[in-house]
Amino acid sequence: MERDDIIVRCAIVHILDSAIGMPVFSDQLLELGPDLNDFLRGHIYKIAVSDDKKECRFNEEESSLFQCIKNFSEDNMIAASQEMAGMLYTIMNQNIAIPSGDFFVVTYQTGSTPYLALLKMNYKETYIHYAYSQEGMNYNDIIKQKVTLPSEGARLSEAVLINLKDYTLQLVERKVDVNGVKTNYLSTIYLQCATELSQKSKLGIITKAVEQVQEKYFGNDFDKAMEVKAVIHEEYTNQGAISVESVGEKLFGEQAEIKQEFCDKLKKYNLETEEVRPVNKQTTKKFEKQYLTTDTGIEINIPMDQYNDKNNVEFINNPDGSISVLIKNISSITSK
């Protein structure tokens, strides 16, 4: 999906500031000029293509919000959005650790699919200048603004995109202290939905499992450590996804015991047959290069396509146990 595929239709904003003691509901939809349109579209797009987002489904029997969403239409958008905001503010008042913010309710579409976005824009503190005149003299001062919204370039930490055809959700959230326990209150209390791990979390768990097995059975084996990164990069480059079964087979296929331990580590997350499909290049960026540091302090970054080409880079194991790195076919070198 591209940013321009998102067509913003209607939007409204409600003020959910715990310091006020009550929500400030708007009775009118926002006027969607070009700047506001771009602002909302930008934030929706960042969530849609984020590998931090979770795929979710409402617990339909239990979720009060689901009933509100099910009866939602643009014709009743003002009243429905006030109800959604009121539900969230009640939870905020009961849990002081939840940050205050402005609550945007936005309808949009991509292709023929209608969506509803719930964007909680938590307040930021910023400083602005303030100019005034007194007794014929001009004064310039600096004041703190405590209720500034995130910029267009920022990433929201609390937001929901709801497909109004099948009621599936895409969610980004943060944990806050609820009764002394760090809790994903947005999914468990407000939405009451069942969540999956994000693509980024899945990749992190798989990578950690590989590293743990590698360290246990191969220790500081330099070649094996590089092979892990090369295999994951190859999977993503060739398939557009990272298959757990394929990675396990390529790394540990001939060693059944080690391969089984790798699978067992992922079973408790139900990831043993998973295919991870990152959509954001930043998520897989660390697999694009081999980052090497020698015991003498030399740092080497090798692009993965160069690492895989033995005509360009060769690692030589010397009889004394040391390793030599041979870089071949260099036409020129640039110092940075």
Protein backbone atom coordinates (compact mmCIF):
# COMPACT_ATOMS: atom_id res chain seq x y z
CA MET A 1 0.00 0.00 0.00
CA GLU A 2 1.16 3.50 -0.83
CA ARG A 3 0.43 6.64 1.17
CA ASP A 4 -1.68 8.11 -1.64
CA ASP A 5 -3.92 5.02 -1.60
CA ILE A 6 -5.40 6.31 1.68
CA ILE A 7 -8.44 8.53 1.12
CA VAL A 8 -9.48 10.37 4.29
CA ARG A 9 -13.25 10.86 4.37
CA CYS A 10 -14.28 12.33 7.75
CA ALA A 11 -12.57 13.15 11.04
CA ILE A 12 -13.37 14.46 14.51
CA VAL A 13 -11.18 15.11 17.56
CA HIS A 14 -12.00 14.91 21.27
CA ILE A 15 -9.80 16.19 24.11
CA LEU A 16 -8.94 13.54 26.70
CA ASP A 17 -6.92 15.47 29.29
CA SER A 18 -6.91 13.84 32.71
CA ALA A 19 -5.97 17.16 34.33
CA ILE A 20 -9.31 18.69 33.31
CA GLY A 21 -11.35 16.02 35.06
CA MET A 22 -13.75 15.45 32.19
CA PRO A 23 -13.52 14.81 28.45
CA VAL A 24 -14.09 17.72 26.08
CA PHE A 25 -16.20 16.33 23.26
CA SER A 26 -16.48 18.04 19.90
CA ASP A 27 -19.95 18.43 18.40
CA GLN A 28 -18.64 19.08 14.90
CA LEU A 29 -16.53 17.21 12.37
CA LEU A 30 -13.16 18.68 11.42
CA GLU A 31 -12.78 20.67 8.23
CA LEU A 32 -10.36 18.59 6.20
CA GLY A 33 -8.08 21.05 4.45
CA PRO A 34 -4.94 19.88 2.61
CA ASP A 35 -2.63 20.23 5.64
CA LEU A 36 -4.87 18.34 8.08
CA ASN A 37 -5.60 15.73 5.42
CA ASP A 38 -1.88 15.10 4.93
CA PHE A 39 -1.31 15.06 8.70
CA LEU A 40 -3.91 12.34 9.29
CA ARG A 41 -3.00 10.35 6.18
CA GLY A 42 0.67 10.38 7.20
CA HIS A 43 -0.03 8.95 10.65
CA ILE A 44 -2.42 6.30 9.31
CA TYR A 45 0.14 5.23 6.69
CA LYS A 46 2.93 4.88 9.26
CA ILE A 47 0.77 2.51 11.30
CA ALA A 48 -0.38 0.49 8.27
CA VAL A 49 3.20 -0.20 7.11
CA SER A 50 4.72 -0.59 10.58
CA ASP A 51 6.19 -3.91 11.67
CA ASP A 52 5.36 -2.91 15.25
CA LYS A 53 1.63 -3.23 14.60
CA LYS A 54 -0.29 -6.25 15.85
CA GLU A 55 -3.07 -8.03 13.99
CA CYS A 56 -6.09 -8.44 16.27
CA ARG A 57 -9.69 -9.56 16.50
CA PHE A 58 -12.38 -8.35 18.87
CA ASN A 59 -13.69 -10.65 21.57
CA GLU A 60 -17.12 -9.91 20.18
CA GLU A 61 -19.12 -11.26 23.12
CA GLU A 62 -17.16 -9.25 25.68
CA SER A 63 -16.16 -6.03 23.94
CA SER A 64 -18.42 -3.04 24.54
CA LEU A 65 -16.44 -1.11 21.96
CA PHE A 66 -17.16 -3.76 19.33
CA GLN A 67 -20.90 -3.16 19.69
CA CYS A 68 -20.30 0.54 19.13
CA ILE A 69 -18.12 -0.16 16.08
CA LYS A 70 -20.64 -2.62 14.67
CA ASN A 71 -23.36 0.07 14.74
CA PHE A 72 -21.03 2.78 13.43
CA SER A 73 -21.69 4.78 10.28
CA GLU A 74 -20.55 8.17 9.06
CA ASP A 75 -24.13 9.40 9.60
CA ASN A 76 -23.79 8.86 13.37
CA MET A 77 -20.06 9.59 13.53
CA ILE A 78 -20.25 12.46 16.03
CA ALA A 79 -22.31 10.58 18.63
CA ALA A 80 -20.47 7.29 18.08
CA SER A 81 -17.03 8.91 18.36
CA GLN A 82 -18.10 10.65 21.59
CA GLU A 83 -19.12 7.27 23.00
CA MET A 84 -15.77 5.72 21.99
CA ALA A 85 -13.86 8.64 23.51
CA GLY A 86 -15.93 8.46 26.70
CA MET A 87 -15.13 4.76 27.15
CA LEU A 88 -11.42 5.51 26.84
CA TYR A 89 -11.56 8.49 29.21
CA THR A 90 -13.24 6.36 31.88
CA ILE A 91 -10.31 3.93 31.70
CA MET A 92 -7.84 6.83 31.83
CA ASN A 93 -9.46 8.25 34.98
CA GLN A 94 -9.13 4.88 36.68
CA ASN A 95 -5.44 4.57 35.74
CA ILE A 96 -3.43 7.75 36.20
CA ALA A 97 -0.39 6.35 34.38
CA ILE A 98 -2.23 6.53 31.04
CA PRO A 99 -1.06 9.72 29.31
CA SER A 100 -3.45 12.47 28.25
CA GLY A 101 -3.95 13.23 24.58
CA ASP A 102 -6.27 14.21 21.77
CA PHE A 103 -8.39 11.39 20.39
CA PHE A 104 -8.92 11.49 16.63
CA VAL A 105 -11.62 9.34 15.07
CA VAL A 106 -11.12 9.14 11.30
CA THR A 107 -12.94 7.32 8.52
CA TYR A 108 -10.91 6.51 5.42
CA GLN A 109 -10.73 3.99 2.63
CA THR A 110 -8.13 2.14 0.60
CA GLY A 111 -9.58 0.89 -2.65
CA SER A 112 -13.16 -0.15 -1.87
CA THR A 113 -12.44 -1.11 1.77
CA PRO A 114 -13.72 1.29 4.48
CA TYR A 115 -11.69 1.76 7.66
CA LEU A 116 -12.02 3.51 10.98
CA ALA A 117 -8.89 4.91 12.63
CA LEU A 118 -8.71 5.65 16.35
CA LEU A 119 -5.60 7.78 16.84
CA LYS A 120 -4.62 8.73 20.40
CA MET A 121 -2.09 11.52 20.06
CA ASN A 122 -0.41 11.85 23.44
CA TYR A 123 0.71 15.32 24.44
CA LYS A 124 4.34 16.41 24.17
CA GLU A 125 6.07 19.27 25.95
CA THR A 126 7.63 21.85 23.64
CA TYR A 127 8.86 25.43 23.88
CA ILE A 128 7.65 28.33 21.74
CA HIS A 129 8.45 32.04 21.62
CA TYR A 130 5.92 34.59 22.84
CA ALA A 131 6.06 38.25 21.84
CA TYR A 132 4.17 41.04 23.60
CA SER A 133 4.29 44.81 24.14
CA GLN A 134 4.20 46.65 27.44
CA GLU A 135 4.63 50.37 28.11
CA GLY A 136 5.86 50.96 24.59
CA MET A 137 8.50 48.23 24.72
CA ASN A 138 8.57 44.90 22.91
CA TYR A 139 9.28 41.72 24.88
CA ASN A 140 10.23 38.32 23.46
CA ASP A 141 9.88 35.40 25.84
CA ILE A 142 10.01 31.60 25.76
CA ILE A 143 7.13 29.59 27.22
CA LYS A 144 6.49 25.88 27.66
CA GLN A 145 3.57 24.27 25.84
CA LYS A 146 2.39 21.12 27.64
CA VAL A 147 -0.32 20.00 25.20
CA THR A 148 1.51 19.89 21.87
CA LEU A 149 0.51 17.12 19.45
CA PRO A 150 3.07 14.80 17.82
CA SER A 151 4.48 16.11 14.56
CA GLU A 152 3.59 14.61 11.20
CA GLY A 153 6.96 12.85 11.15
CA ALA A 154 6.48 11.21 14.57
CA ARG A 155 5.21 7.68 15.12
CA LEU A 156 2.14 7.28 17.28
CA SER A 157 2.48 4.82 20.15
CA GLU A 158 -1.27 4.26 20.60
CA ALA A 159 -3.56 3.80 17.60
CA VAL A 160 -6.01 1.37 16.01
CA LEU A 161 -7.01 0.79 12.38
CA ILE A 162 -10.29 -1.11 12.03
CA ASN A 163 -11.45 -2.77 8.82
CA LEU A 164 -15.19 -2.02 8.72
CA LYS A 165 -15.88 -4.99 6.42
CA ASP A 166 -14.54 -7.81 8.59
CA TYR A 167 -13.77 -5.91 11.85
CA THR A 168 -10.14 -7.01 11.97
CA LEU A 169 -7.79 -4.60 13.69
CA GLN A 170 -4.25 -3.35 13.30
CA LEU A 171 -2.93 -2.02 16.58
CA VAL A 172 0.08 -0.22 18.01
CA GLU A 173 0.14 0.20 21.76
CA ARG A 174 2.31 0.79 24.79
CA LYS A 175 2.28 -0.78 28.23
CA VAL A 176 1.33 1.37 31.23
CA ASP A 177 1.06 0.68 34.94
CA VAL A 178 -2.38 -0.73 35.81
CA ASN A 179 -2.74 -1.72 39.48
CA GLY A 180 1.01 -2.15 39.73
CA VAL A 181 1.31 -4.33 36.62
CA LYS A 182 2.62 -3.21 33.22
CA THR A 183 -0.36 -3.79 30.95
CA ASN A 184 -1.33 -3.33 27.30
CA TYR A 185 -4.48 -1.55 28.41
CA LEU A 186 -5.54 -0.55 24.89
CA SER A 187 -6.01 -4.15 23.72
CA THR A 188 -6.96 -5.84 27.01
CA ILE A 189 -9.22 -3.22 28.62
CA TYR A 190 -10.40 -0.75 25.96
CA LEU A 191 -10.68 -2.84 22.80
CA GLN A 192 -10.96 -6.24 24.52
CA CYS A 193 -9.36 -8.00 21.60
CA ALA A 194 -7.11 -11.00 21.05
CA THR A 195 -3.74 -9.91 19.70
CA GLU A 196 -0.97 -11.58 17.76
CA LEU A 197 2.69 -10.72 18.04
CA SER A 198 3.88 -7.98 15.70
CA GLN A 199 6.12 -8.94 12.77
CA LYS A 200 9.00 -7.14 14.48
CA SER A 201 8.45 -9.08 17.72
CA LYS A 202 8.24 -12.39 15.85
CA LEU A 203 11.51 -11.71 14.04
CA GLY A 204 13.14 -10.72 17.33
CA ILE A 205 12.05 -13.97 19.01
CA ILE A 206 13.25 -16.10 16.09
CA THR A 207 16.61 -14.31 15.96
CA LYS A 208 17.09 -14.69 19.72
CA ALA A 209 16.25 -18.41 19.57
CA VAL A 210 18.82 -18.92 16.80
CA GLU A 211 21.46 -17.00 18.77
CA GLN A 212 20.79 -18.99 21.96
CA VAL A 213 21.07 -22.34 20.18
CA GLN A 214 24.14 -21.19 18.29
CA GLU A 215 25.87 -20.02 21.48
CA LYS A 216 25.06 -23.26 23.32
CA TYR A 217 26.32 -25.63 20.63
CA PHE A 218 28.84 -23.56 18.66
CA GLY A 219 30.09 -21.01 21.19
CA ASN A 220 31.96 -18.16 19.55
CA ASP A 221 32.14 -19.91 16.18
CA PHE A 222 32.72 -16.95 13.87
CA ASP A 223 31.61 -18.73 10.69
CA LYS A 224 28.35 -19.96 12.25
CA ALA A 225 27.46 -16.49 13.53
CA MET A 226 27.87 -15.04 10.04
CA GLU A 227 25.94 -17.93 8.50
CA VAL A 228 22.90 -17.14 10.67
CA LYS A 229 22.65 -13.59 9.38
CA ALA A 230 23.30 -14.69 5.79
CA VAL A 231 20.54 -17.33 5.89
CA ILE A 232 17.94 -14.91 7.29
CA HIS A 233 18.90 -12.29 4.70
CA GLU A 234 18.69 -14.85 1.88
CA GLU A 235 15.24 -16.01 3.05
CA TYR A 236 13.85 -12.48 3.10
CA THR A 237 15.48 -11.41 -0.16
CA ASN A 238 14.37 -14.46 -2.16
CA GLN A 239 10.98 -15.20 -0.59
CA GLY A 240 9.82 -11.86 0.83
CA ALA A 241 9.32 -13.75 4.10
CA ILE A 242 11.37 -15.55 6.73
CA SER A 243 10.21 -19.15 7.17
CA VAL A 244 11.08 -20.66 10.54
CA GLU A 245 11.11 -24.19 9.11
CA SER A 246 13.40 -23.18 6.25
CA VAL A 247 15.80 -21.27 8.52
CA GLY A 248 15.97 -24.23 10.92
CA GLU A 249 16.62 -26.65 8.06
CA LYS A 250 19.38 -24.53 6.51
CA LEU A 251 21.16 -23.86 9.81
CA PHE A 252 20.67 -27.11 11.73
CA GLY A 253 19.17 -29.58 9.23
CA GLU A 254 21.85 -32.25 9.63
CA GLN A 255 21.84 -31.99 13.42
CA ALA A 256 18.43 -33.25 14.53
CA GLU A 257 18.92 -32.59 18.25
CA ILE A 258 19.95 -28.98 17.71
CA LYS A 259 17.17 -28.39 15.21
CA GLN A 260 14.61 -29.81 17.65
CA GLU A 261 15.81 -27.53 20.43
CA PHE A 262 15.45 -24.54 18.11
CA CYS A 263 11.86 -25.58 17.29
CA ASP A 264 11.05 -26.17 20.97
CA LYS A 265 12.12 -22.62 21.84
CA LEU A 266 9.61 -21.28 19.32
CA LYS A 267 6.75 -23.61 20.21
CA LYS A 268 5.85 -21.66 23.34
CA TYR A 269 5.19 -18.65 21.09
CA ASN A 270 3.39 -20.78 18.46
CA LEU A 271 6.03 -19.72 15.94
CA GLU A 272 7.53 -23.10 15.00
CA THR A 273 5.83 -23.05 11.57
CA GLU A 274 5.58 -19.27 11.21
CA GLU A 275 6.43 -17.18 8.16
CA VAL A 276 7.42 -13.67 9.21
CA ARG A 277 6.65 -11.01 6.61
CA PRO A 278 8.21 -7.66 7.52
CA VAL A 279 6.97 -4.75 5.41
CA ASN A 280 9.25 -2.02 6.72
CA LYS A 281 12.83 -2.06 5.46
CA GLN A 282 14.11 -0.80 8.83
CA THR A 283 13.07 -4.10 10.44
CA THR A 284 15.45 -6.16 8.30
CA LYS A 285 18.17 -3.53 7.86
CA LYS A 286 20.53 -5.20 10.35
CA PHE A 287 20.60 -8.32 8.13
CA GLU A 288 21.78 -6.39 5.07
CA LYS A 289 25.41 -6.29 6.24
CA GLN A 290 27.87 -8.35 8.21
CA TYR A 291 29.15 -6.10 11.02
CA LEU A 292 32.50 -7.40 12.24
CA THR A 293 34.80 -6.16 15.01
CA THR A 294 38.24 -7.68 15.58
CA ASP A 295 39.98 -8.07 18.94
CA THR A 296 42.36 -5.34 17.80
CA GLY A 297 39.51 -2.84 17.35
CA ILE A 298 39.16 -2.94 13.55
CA GLU A 299 35.55 -2.62 12.37
CA ILE A 300 34.41 -4.01 9.01
CA ASN A 301 30.97 -3.64 7.40
CA ILE A 302 30.38 -5.98 4.47
CA PRO A 303 27.21 -5.75 2.33
CA MET A 304 25.60 -9.18 2.22
CA ASP A 305 25.84 -9.53 -1.56
CA GLN A 306 29.60 -8.93 -1.30
CA TYR A 307 29.92 -11.35 1.62
CA ASN A 308 28.23 -14.08 -0.43
CA ASP A 309 30.62 -13.56 -3.37
CA LYS A 310 33.90 -15.37 -2.67
CA ASN A 311 35.48 -13.44 -5.54
CA ASN A 312 35.23 -10.29 -3.44
CA VAL A 313 35.69 -11.37 0.20
CA GLU A 314 37.37 -14.41 1.69
CA PHE A 315 37.82 -15.46 5.31
CA ILE A 316 40.93 -17.57 5.86
CA ASN A 317 41.42 -19.74 8.96
CA ASN A 318 45.14 -19.75 9.73
CA PRO A 319 47.01 -22.71 11.34
CA ASP A 320 47.65 -20.67 14.51
CA GLY A 321 43.88 -20.18 15.04
CA SER A 322 43.79 -16.58 13.85
CA ILE A 323 41.56 -15.39 11.00
CA SER A 324 42.56 -13.33 7.98
CA VAL A 325 40.07 -11.32 5.94
CA LEU A 326 41.01 -11.00 2.27
CA ILE A 327 39.21 -8.28 0.29
CA LYS A 328 39.68 -8.77 -3.45
CA ASN A 329 39.23 -6.94 -6.75
CA ILE A 330 39.31 -3.39 -5.34
CA SER A 331 39.54 -0.67 -7.99
CA SER A 332 39.56 2.29 -5.60
CA ILE A 333 39.19 3.12 -1.91
CA THR A 334 37.44 6.19 -0.48
CA SER A 335 38.16 7.56 2.99
CA LYS A 336 35.21 8.95 4.95
